[in-house]
């Protein structure tokens, strides 16, 4: 008896809605559809009932809207994960930036040190120190000769070498 009762309901629905099948829509979706229908005028609703193409287009627009809503919800669910990834990226960038700045500072200090050592004034100072040291060694050697601590042959070889070195330094 139940079968005939359901069968008669389907026949009644088919008679009432023509060739459009009756679908079972979940209540949450139905509430969304009711909102859409509330915005329609009586003429627009009548057109949906009478024009099969308009009805199909309306259903298609609902499917698109539901897909967009589903995608939007899906995207919103991923938002915390995206925020976390952005935060991690910022931390990584900050860490790498700090490391790069540290390295840059070290290289800048090294550059300044090299420039200070290789500056014309510094080079001239080192050259003058070297020449002064050779001059002192020559004077000490001369004093050793006068004090008869070394012989003339040894003095002359050493003195020649020192004077030659002095001239090379002076020419720089």
N, C-alpha and C. Protein backbone atom coordinates (compact mmCIF):
# COMPACT_ATOMS: atom_id res chain seq x y z
N UNK A 1 0.81 -1.18 0.00
CA UNK A 1 0.00 0.00 0.00
C UNK A 1 0.86 1.25 0.00
N UNK A 2 1.95 1.15 0.65
CA UNK A 2 2.87 2.27 0.71
C UNK A 2 3.41 2.62 -0.67
N UNK A 3 3.71 1.61 -1.45
CA UNK A 3 4.25 1.81 -2.78
C UNK A 3 3.26 2.60 -3.62
N UNK A 4 2.00 2.21 -3.53
CA UNK A 4 1.00 2.93 -4.32
C UNK A 4 0.85 4.36 -3.83
N UNK A 5 1.01 4.57 -2.53
CA UNK A 5 0.90 5.91 -1.98
C UNK A 5 2.03 6.80 -2.50
N UNK A 6 3.28 6.25 -2.52
CA UNK A 6 4.41 7.02 -3.05
C UNK A 6 4.26 7.20 -4.54
N UNK A 7 3.79 6.16 -5.21
CA UNK A 7 3.58 6.25 -6.66
C UNK A 7 2.56 7.32 -6.99
N UNK A 8 1.50 7.43 -6.21
CA UNK A 8 0.50 8.45 -6.49
C UNK A 8 1.04 9.85 -6.21
N UNK A 9 1.94 9.98 -5.21
CA UNK A 9 2.56 11.28 -4.93
C UNK A 9 3.43 11.70 -6.11
N UNK A 10 4.22 10.76 -6.65
CA UNK A 10 5.07 11.07 -7.79
C UNK A 10 4.23 11.45 -9.00
N UNK A 11 3.11 10.73 -9.19
CA UNK A 11 2.24 11.06 -10.31
C UNK A 11 1.65 12.45 -10.12
N UNK A 12 1.25 12.74 -8.89
CA UNK A 12 0.69 14.06 -8.61
C UNK A 12 1.75 15.14 -8.88
N UNK A 13 3.03 14.90 -8.43
CA UNK A 13 4.10 15.87 -8.66
C UNK A 13 4.38 16.03 -10.14
N UNK A 14 4.37 14.92 -10.90
CA UNK A 14 4.61 15.00 -12.33
C UNK A 14 3.50 15.78 -13.01
N UNK A 15 2.27 15.60 -12.51
CA UNK A 15 1.16 16.34 -13.10
C UNK A 15 1.28 17.83 -12.76
N UNK A 16 1.68 18.11 -11.54
CA UNK A 16 1.76 19.50 -11.11
C UNK A 16 2.92 20.24 -11.77
N UNK A 17 4.06 19.57 -11.97
CA UNK A 17 5.25 20.25 -12.48
C UNK A 17 5.62 19.84 -13.89
N UNK A 18 4.78 19.15 -14.57
CA UNK A 18 5.02 18.77 -15.95
C UNK A 18 6.13 17.73 -16.02
N UNK A 19 7.08 17.94 -16.92
CA UNK A 19 8.14 16.96 -17.10
C UNK A 19 9.38 17.25 -16.23
N UNK A 20 9.26 18.17 -15.30
CA UNK A 20 10.39 18.47 -14.42
C UNK A 20 10.39 17.48 -13.25
N UNK A 21 11.55 16.80 -13.03
CA UNK A 21 11.60 15.86 -11.91
C UNK A 21 11.67 16.62 -10.58
N UNK A 22 11.12 16.02 -9.56
CA UNK A 22 11.17 16.60 -8.23
C UNK A 22 12.44 16.07 -7.57
N UNK A 23 13.27 16.99 -7.09
CA UNK A 23 14.52 16.55 -6.46
C UNK A 23 14.42 16.76 -4.97
N UNK A 24 15.18 15.97 -4.28
CA UNK A 24 15.24 16.10 -2.82
C UNK A 24 16.46 16.96 -2.51
N UNK A 25 16.23 18.15 -2.00
CA UNK A 25 17.29 19.13 -1.74
C UNK A 25 17.51 19.19 -0.23
N UNK A 26 18.78 19.14 0.21
CA UNK A 26 19.05 19.27 1.64
C UNK A 26 18.53 20.61 2.15
N UNK A 27 18.07 20.64 3.40
CA UNK A 27 17.48 21.86 3.96
C UNK A 27 18.40 23.08 3.88
N UNK A 28 19.68 22.90 4.09
CA UNK A 28 20.60 24.05 4.03
C UNK A 28 20.61 24.65 2.63
N UNK A 29 20.65 23.77 1.60
CA UNK A 29 20.63 24.26 0.23
C UNK A 29 19.28 24.87 -0.11
N UNK A 30 18.23 24.26 0.41
CA UNK A 30 16.89 24.76 0.14
C UNK A 30 16.72 26.18 0.69
N UNK A 31 17.29 26.43 1.86
CA UNK A 31 17.21 27.77 2.45
C UNK A 31 17.88 28.80 1.53
N UNK A 32 19.00 28.42 0.94
CA UNK A 32 19.68 29.31 0.01
C UNK A 32 18.85 29.57 -1.24
N UNK A 33 18.16 28.55 -1.71
CA UNK A 33 17.34 28.69 -2.91
C UNK A 33 16.13 29.56 -2.61
N UNK A 34 15.56 29.41 -1.42
CA UNK A 34 14.40 30.22 -1.04
C UNK A 34 14.79 31.70 -1.07
N UNK A 35 15.98 32.01 -0.62
CA UNK A 35 16.43 33.41 -0.63
C UNK A 35 16.48 33.91 -2.07
N UNK A 36 16.92 33.06 -2.99
CA UNK A 36 16.99 33.46 -4.39
C UNK A 36 15.58 33.69 -4.95
N UNK A 37 14.66 32.82 -4.58
CA UNK A 37 13.28 32.97 -5.07
C UNK A 37 12.60 34.19 -4.48
N UNK A 38 12.96 34.58 -3.27
CA UNK A 38 12.34 35.74 -2.64
C UNK A 38 12.60 37.01 -3.44
N UNK A 39 13.73 37.06 -4.11
CA UNK A 39 14.09 38.24 -4.89
C UNK A 39 13.41 38.28 -6.26
N UNK A 40 12.75 37.19 -6.63
CA UNK A 40 12.12 37.11 -7.96
C UNK A 40 10.70 37.67 -7.89
N UNK A 41 10.32 38.32 -8.98
CA UNK A 41 8.94 38.82 -9.07
C UNK A 41 8.04 37.67 -9.51
N UNK A 42 6.75 37.86 -9.42
CA UNK A 42 5.78 36.83 -9.82
C UNK A 42 5.93 36.52 -11.31
N UNK A 43 6.20 37.52 -12.11
CA UNK A 43 6.39 37.31 -13.56
C UNK A 43 7.61 36.44 -13.82
N UNK A 44 8.70 36.72 -13.09
CA UNK A 44 9.92 35.92 -13.28
C UNK A 44 9.70 34.48 -12.83
N UNK A 45 8.96 34.29 -11.75
CA UNK A 45 8.67 32.93 -11.27
C UNK A 45 7.80 32.20 -12.27
N UNK A 46 6.81 32.88 -12.83
CA UNK A 46 5.93 32.28 -13.85
C UNK A 46 6.75 31.88 -15.08
N UNK A 47 7.69 32.73 -15.47
CA UNK A 47 8.54 32.44 -16.62
C UNK A 47 9.37 31.18 -16.37
N UNK A 48 9.90 31.02 -15.12
CA UNK A 48 10.66 29.82 -14.78
C UNK A 48 9.81 28.57 -14.88
N UNK A 49 8.54 28.69 -14.48
CA UNK A 49 7.63 27.53 -14.54
C UNK A 49 7.24 27.19 -15.98
N UNK A 50 7.10 28.18 -16.81
CA UNK A 50 6.59 27.95 -18.16
C UNK A 50 7.69 27.76 -19.21
N UNK A 51 8.87 28.34 -19.01
CA UNK A 51 9.93 28.28 -20.02
C UNK A 51 11.01 27.31 -19.55
N UNK A 52 11.12 26.18 -20.26
CA UNK A 52 12.08 25.14 -19.88
C UNK A 52 13.53 25.66 -19.97
N UNK A 53 13.85 26.44 -20.99
CA UNK A 53 15.20 26.96 -21.14
C UNK A 53 15.55 27.93 -20.00
N UNK A 54 14.61 28.79 -19.65
CA UNK A 54 14.83 29.73 -18.55
C UNK A 54 15.04 28.97 -17.24
N UNK A 55 14.27 27.90 -17.06
CA UNK A 55 14.38 27.07 -15.86
C UNK A 55 15.76 26.40 -15.80
N UNK A 56 16.21 25.84 -16.92
CA UNK A 56 17.53 25.20 -16.98
C UNK A 56 18.65 26.21 -16.71
N UNK A 57 18.50 27.39 -17.28
CA UNK A 57 19.50 28.44 -17.08
C UNK A 57 19.54 28.85 -15.61
N UNK A 58 18.37 28.94 -14.99
CA UNK A 58 18.29 29.28 -13.57
C UNK A 58 18.98 28.21 -12.73
N UNK A 59 18.71 26.94 -13.02
CA UNK A 59 19.35 25.85 -12.28
C UNK A 59 20.87 25.89 -12.47
N UNK A 60 21.29 26.15 -13.69
CA UNK A 60 22.72 26.24 -13.98
C UNK A 60 23.36 27.37 -13.18
N UNK A 61 22.68 28.51 -13.09
CA UNK A 61 23.22 29.63 -12.33
C UNK A 61 23.31 29.28 -10.85
N UNK A 62 22.33 28.49 -10.35
CA UNK A 62 22.40 28.04 -8.95
C UNK A 62 23.59 27.12 -8.74
N UNK A 63 23.84 26.21 -9.69
CA UNK A 63 24.98 25.30 -9.58
C UNK A 63 26.29 26.10 -9.55
N UNK A 64 26.39 27.10 -10.41
CA UNK A 64 27.59 27.92 -10.45
C UNK A 64 27.76 28.65 -9.12
N UNK A 65 26.68 29.21 -8.62
CA UNK A 65 26.74 29.94 -7.35
C UNK A 65 27.15 28.99 -6.22
N UNK A 66 26.56 27.78 -6.20
CA UNK A 66 26.91 26.82 -5.15
C UNK A 66 28.37 26.39 -5.27
N UNK A 67 28.84 26.23 -6.49
CA UNK A 67 30.25 25.88 -6.67
C UNK A 67 31.15 27.00 -6.19
N UNK A 68 30.74 28.24 -6.46
CA UNK A 68 31.53 29.37 -6.00
C UNK A 68 31.53 29.45 -4.48
N UNK A 69 30.39 29.17 -3.89
CA UNK A 69 30.31 29.18 -2.42
C UNK A 69 31.19 28.08 -1.85
N UNK A 70 31.12 26.89 -2.46
CA UNK A 70 31.93 25.77 -2.01
C UNK A 70 33.42 26.11 -2.13
N UNK A 71 33.79 26.70 -3.25
CA UNK A 71 35.19 27.10 -3.42
C UNK A 71 35.61 28.17 -2.42
N UNK A 72 34.71 29.11 -2.17
CA UNK A 72 35.01 30.17 -1.20
C UNK A 72 35.22 29.58 0.20
N UNK A 73 34.35 28.64 0.58
CA UNK A 73 34.50 27.99 1.89
C UNK A 73 35.82 27.22 1.94
N UNK A 74 36.12 26.53 0.85
CA UNK A 74 37.37 25.77 0.77
C UNK A 74 38.57 26.70 0.92
N UNK A 75 38.52 27.84 0.25
CA UNK A 75 39.60 28.82 0.34
C UNK A 75 39.72 29.39 1.75
N UNK A 76 38.57 29.65 2.37
CA UNK A 76 38.59 30.18 3.74
C UNK A 76 39.16 29.17 4.72
N UNK A 77 38.91 27.89 4.47
CA UNK A 77 39.48 26.85 5.33
C UNK A 77 40.99 26.82 5.25
N UNK A 78 41.53 27.20 4.11
CA UNK A 78 42.98 27.17 3.92
C UNK A 78 43.66 28.45 4.41
N UNK A 79 42.88 29.45 4.74
CA UNK A 79 43.46 30.74 5.13
C UNK A 79 44.41 30.65 6.33
N UNK A 80 44.07 29.92 7.41
CA UNK A 80 45.03 29.83 8.53
C UNK A 80 46.37 29.20 8.09
N UNK A 81 46.29 28.20 7.23
CA UNK A 81 47.51 27.56 6.74
C UNK A 81 48.33 28.56 5.91
N UNK A 82 47.65 29.34 5.10
CA UNK A 82 48.33 30.34 4.27
C UNK A 82 48.99 31.39 5.17
N UNK A 83 48.25 31.82 6.21
CA UNK A 83 48.82 32.80 7.15
C UNK A 83 50.08 32.25 7.82
N UNK A 84 50.01 30.97 8.22
CA UNK A 84 51.16 30.33 8.86
C UNK A 84 52.35 30.26 7.91
N UNK A 85 52.08 29.91 6.65
CA UNK A 85 53.16 29.86 5.66
C UNK A 85 53.76 31.24 5.42
N UNK A 86 52.91 32.28 5.38
CA UNK A 86 53.42 33.64 5.21
C UNK A 86 54.30 34.04 6.39
N UNK A 87 53.86 33.67 7.60
CA UNK A 87 54.63 33.99 8.80
C UNK A 87 56.00 33.29 8.73
N UNK A 88 55.99 32.02 8.32
CA UNK A 88 57.25 31.28 8.20
C UNK A 88 58.16 31.92 7.16
N UNK A 89 57.58 32.36 6.04
CA UNK A 89 58.36 33.03 5.00
C UNK A 89 58.98 34.31 5.54
N UNK A 90 58.22 35.07 6.32
CA UNK A 90 58.75 36.31 6.88
C UNK A 90 59.90 36.02 7.84
N UNK A 91 59.76 34.95 8.63
CA UNK A 91 60.82 34.58 9.57
C UNK A 91 62.07 34.17 8.79
N UNK A 92 61.87 33.38 7.76
CA UNK A 92 63.01 32.93 6.94
C UNK A 92 63.69 34.12 6.29
N UNK A 93 62.87 35.02 5.71
CA UNK A 93 63.44 36.22 5.07
C UNK A 93 64.23 37.04 6.07
N UNK A 94 63.64 37.24 7.27
CA UNK A 94 64.30 38.05 8.29
C UNK A 94 65.62 37.41 8.72
N UNK A 95 65.61 36.10 8.89
CA UNK A 95 66.82 35.38 9.30
C UNK A 95 67.89 35.48 8.22
N UNK A 96 67.49 35.22 6.99
CA UNK A 96 68.45 35.28 5.89
C UNK A 96 68.97 36.71 5.71
N UNK A 97 68.09 37.68 5.88
CA UNK A 97 68.51 39.07 5.76
C UNK A 97 69.51 39.43 6.85
N UNK A 98 69.24 38.99 8.07
CA UNK A 98 70.16 39.28 9.17
C UNK A 98 71.52 38.63 8.91
N UNK A 99 71.52 37.40 8.42
CA UNK A 99 72.77 36.71 8.11
C UNK A 99 73.52 37.44 7.00
N UNK A 100 72.79 37.84 5.98
CA UNK A 100 73.43 38.55 4.86
C UNK A 100 73.98 39.90 5.32
N UNK A 101 73.26 40.60 6.19
CA UNK A 101 73.75 41.89 6.70
C UNK A 101 75.01 41.71 7.54
N UNK A 102 75.02 40.64 8.35
CA UNK A 102 76.19 40.34 9.16
C UNK A 102 77.42 40.11 8.27
N UNK A 103 77.22 39.29 7.24
CA UNK A 103 78.30 39.00 6.30
C UNK A 103 78.75 40.28 5.60
N UNK A 104 77.79 41.11 5.19
CA UNK A 104 78.12 42.38 4.55
C UNK A 104 78.95 43.26 5.48
N UNK A 105 78.56 43.34 6.75
CA UNK A 105 79.30 44.15 7.72
C UNK A 105 80.73 43.64 7.89
N UNK A 106 80.88 42.30 7.94
CA UNK A 106 82.21 41.72 8.05
C UNK A 106 83.06 42.08 6.84
N UNK A 107 82.46 41.96 5.67
CA UNK A 107 83.19 42.28 4.43
C UNK A 107 83.53 43.77 4.35
N UNK A 108 82.63 44.61 4.82
CA UNK A 108 82.90 46.05 4.83
C UNK A 108 84.08 46.37 5.76
N UNK A 109 84.12 45.71 6.93
CA UNK A 109 85.25 45.92 7.85
C UNK A 109 86.56 45.46 7.21
N UNK A 110 86.51 44.30 6.55
CA UNK A 110 87.70 43.79 5.88
C UNK A 110 88.16 44.75 4.78
N UNK A 111 87.21 45.26 4.04
CA UNK A 111 87.51 46.22 2.96
C UNK A 111 88.18 47.47 3.54
N UNK A 112 87.61 47.99 4.63
CA UNK A 112 88.19 49.19 5.26
C UNK A 112 89.61 48.92 5.76
N UNK A 113 89.81 47.72 6.31
CA UNK A 113 91.13 47.35 6.79
C UNK A 113 92.13 47.29 5.64
N UNK A 114 91.71 46.66 4.55
CA UNK A 114 92.58 46.55 3.37
C UNK A 114 92.86 47.94 2.80
N UNK A 115 91.83 48.75 2.70
CA UNK A 115 92.02 50.11 2.17
C UNK A 115 92.94 50.94 3.07
N UNK A 116 92.77 50.74 4.36
CA UNK A 116 93.63 51.49 5.31
C UNK A 116 95.09 51.04 5.14
N UNK A 117 95.31 49.74 4.97
CA UNK A 117 96.66 49.21 4.82
C UNK A 117 97.26 49.59 3.46
N UNK A 118 96.42 49.65 2.44
CA UNK A 118 96.90 49.92 1.07
C UNK A 118 96.75 51.37 0.64
N UNK A 119 96.37 52.22 1.54
CA UNK A 119 96.22 53.63 1.16
C UNK A 119 97.59 54.22 0.86
N UNK A 120 97.65 55.23 0.02
CA UNK A 120 98.96 55.85 -0.30
C UNK A 120 99.71 56.31 0.95
N UNK A 121 98.99 56.89 1.89
CA UNK A 121 99.65 57.38 3.11
C UNK A 121 100.23 56.22 3.91
N UNK A 122 99.46 55.12 3.98
CA UNK A 122 99.93 53.95 4.72
C UNK A 122 101.13 53.32 4.04
N UNK A 123 101.06 53.19 2.72
CA UNK A 123 102.19 52.61 1.97
C UNK A 123 103.45 53.47 2.12
N UNK A 124 103.28 54.78 2.04
CA UNK A 124 104.41 55.69 2.21
C UNK A 124 105.01 55.55 3.60
N UNK A 125 104.14 55.45 4.59
CA UNK A 125 104.61 55.30 5.98
C UNK A 125 105.42 54.01 6.14
N UNK A 126 104.90 52.87 5.58
CA UNK A 126 105.61 51.60 5.67
C UNK A 126 106.96 51.67 4.94
N UNK A 127 106.97 52.31 3.81
CA UNK A 127 108.20 52.47 3.03
C UNK A 127 109.23 53.30 3.81
N UNK A 128 108.76 54.38 4.42
CA UNK A 128 109.66 55.22 5.21
C UNK A 128 110.20 54.47 6.42
N UNK A 129 109.36 53.67 7.05
CA UNK A 129 109.82 52.85 8.18
C UNK A 129 110.89 51.87 7.74
N UNK A 130 110.62 51.24 6.60
CA UNK A 130 111.59 50.27 6.07
C UNK A 130 112.92 50.94 5.75
N UNK A 131 112.88 52.11 5.13
CA UNK A 131 114.10 52.85 4.79
C UNK A 131 114.83 53.30 6.07
N UNK A 132 114.06 53.70 7.05
CA UNK A 132 114.66 54.13 8.32
C UNK A 132 115.35 52.95 9.01
N UNK A 133 114.74 51.79 8.94
CA UNK A 133 115.32 50.58 9.54
C UNK A 133 116.63 50.22 8.83
N UNK A 134 116.63 50.30 7.49
CA UNK A 134 117.85 50.01 6.72
C UNK A 134 118.95 51.02 7.08
N UNK A 135 118.54 52.28 7.21
CA UNK A 135 119.49 53.34 7.57
C UNK A 135 120.10 53.05 8.94
N UNK A 136 119.30 52.61 9.90
CA UNK A 136 119.81 52.28 11.24
C UNK A 136 120.77 51.09 11.18
N UNK A 137 120.42 50.07 10.36
CA UNK A 137 121.31 48.91 10.22
C UNK A 137 122.64 49.33 9.60
N UNK A 138 122.59 50.24 8.64
CA UNK A 138 123.84 50.75 8.02
C UNK A 138 124.70 51.48 9.06
N UNK A 139 124.04 52.29 9.87
CA UNK A 139 124.77 53.03 10.92
C UNK A 139 125.36 52.06 11.95
N UNK A 140 124.61 51.04 12.30
CA UNK A 140 125.11 50.05 13.26
C UNK A 140 126.30 49.31 12.65
N UNK A 141 126.20 48.95 11.39
CA UNK A 141 127.29 48.26 10.69
C UNK A 141 128.54 49.16 10.65
N UNK A 142 128.30 50.44 10.36
CA UNK A 142 129.40 51.40 10.32
C UNK A 142 130.07 51.51 11.69
N UNK A 143 129.27 51.53 12.73
CA UNK A 143 129.80 51.61 14.09
C UNK A 143 130.62 50.36 14.43
N UNK A 144 130.18 49.19 13.96
CA UNK A 144 130.92 47.94 14.20
C UNK A 144 132.29 47.99 13.51
N UNK A 145 132.33 48.61 12.34
CA UNK A 145 133.61 48.75 11.64
C UNK A 145 134.55 49.67 12.42
N UNK A 146 133.98 50.79 12.87
CA UNK A 146 134.80 51.74 13.64
C UNK A 146 135.31 51.13 14.95
N UNK A 147 134.48 50.31 15.56
CA UNK A 147 134.87 49.66 16.82
C UNK A 147 135.73 48.42 16.55
N UNK A 148 136.00 48.13 15.30
CA UNK A 148 136.81 47.02 14.85
C UNK A 148 136.20 45.67 15.27
N UNK A 149 134.88 45.60 15.26
CA UNK A 149 134.19 44.34 15.57
C UNK A 149 134.06 43.48 14.32
N UNK A 150 134.13 44.11 13.12
CA UNK A 150 134.11 43.36 11.85
C UNK A 150 135.24 43.86 10.97
N UNK A 151 135.67 43.02 10.04
CA UNK A 151 136.75 43.44 9.13
C UNK A 151 136.16 44.22 7.96
N UNK A 152 137.03 44.84 7.18
CA UNK A 152 136.64 45.71 6.08
C UNK A 152 135.90 44.95 4.97
N UNK A 153 136.31 43.75 4.64
CA UNK A 153 135.68 42.96 3.58
C UNK A 153 134.24 42.63 3.96
N UNK A 154 133.99 42.17 5.16
CA UNK A 154 132.64 41.84 5.62
C UNK A 154 131.78 43.10 5.62
N UNK A 155 132.38 44.20 6.13
CA UNK A 155 131.65 45.48 6.15
C UNK A 155 131.23 45.88 4.75
N UNK A 156 132.17 45.82 3.81
CA UNK A 156 131.86 46.28 2.46
C UNK A 156 130.77 45.44 1.81
N UNK A 157 130.75 44.12 1.98
CA UNK A 157 129.69 43.27 1.41
C UNK A 157 128.33 43.61 2.04
N UNK A 158 128.32 43.70 3.34
CA UNK A 158 127.05 43.98 4.05
C UNK A 158 126.56 45.39 3.75
N UNK A 159 127.50 46.34 3.72
CA UNK A 159 127.12 47.73 3.48
C UNK A 159 126.57 47.90 2.06
N UNK A 160 127.20 47.26 1.09
CA UNK A 160 126.71 47.32 -0.29
C UNK A 160 125.29 46.76 -0.39
N UNK A 161 125.09 45.63 0.25
CA UNK A 161 123.76 45.00 0.22
C UNK A 161 122.72 45.92 0.84
N UNK A 162 123.01 46.52 1.97
CA UNK A 162 122.08 47.44 2.65
C UNK A 162 121.80 48.69 1.81
N UNK A 163 122.84 49.26 1.20
CA UNK A 163 122.66 50.48 0.40
C UNK A 163 121.84 50.18 -0.86
N UNK A 164 122.10 49.00 -1.43
CA UNK A 164 121.33 48.60 -2.61
C UNK A 164 119.85 48.46 -2.23
N UNK A 165 119.57 47.83 -1.12
CA UNK A 165 118.21 47.65 -0.62
C UNK A 165 117.58 49.01 -0.34
N UNK A 166 118.35 49.92 0.22
CA UNK A 166 117.85 51.27 0.52
C UNK A 166 117.44 51.99 -0.76
N UNK A 167 118.28 51.91 -1.80
CA UNK A 167 117.96 52.57 -3.07
C UNK A 167 116.70 51.98 -3.72
N UNK A 168 116.55 50.65 -3.61
CA UNK A 168 115.34 50.01 -4.18
C UNK A 168 114.11 50.53 -3.44
N UNK A 169 114.19 50.62 -2.15
CA UNK A 169 113.07 51.14 -1.36
C UNK A 169 112.81 52.61 -1.68
N UNK A 170 113.86 53.37 -1.87
CA UNK A 170 113.71 54.80 -2.16
C UNK A 170 113.08 55.04 -3.52
N UNK A 171 113.33 54.14 -4.47
CA UNK A 171 112.77 54.29 -5.81
C UNK A 171 111.26 53.96 -5.85
N UNK A 172 110.80 53.21 -4.91
CA UNK A 172 109.37 52.85 -4.90
C UNK A 172 108.56 54.08 -4.67
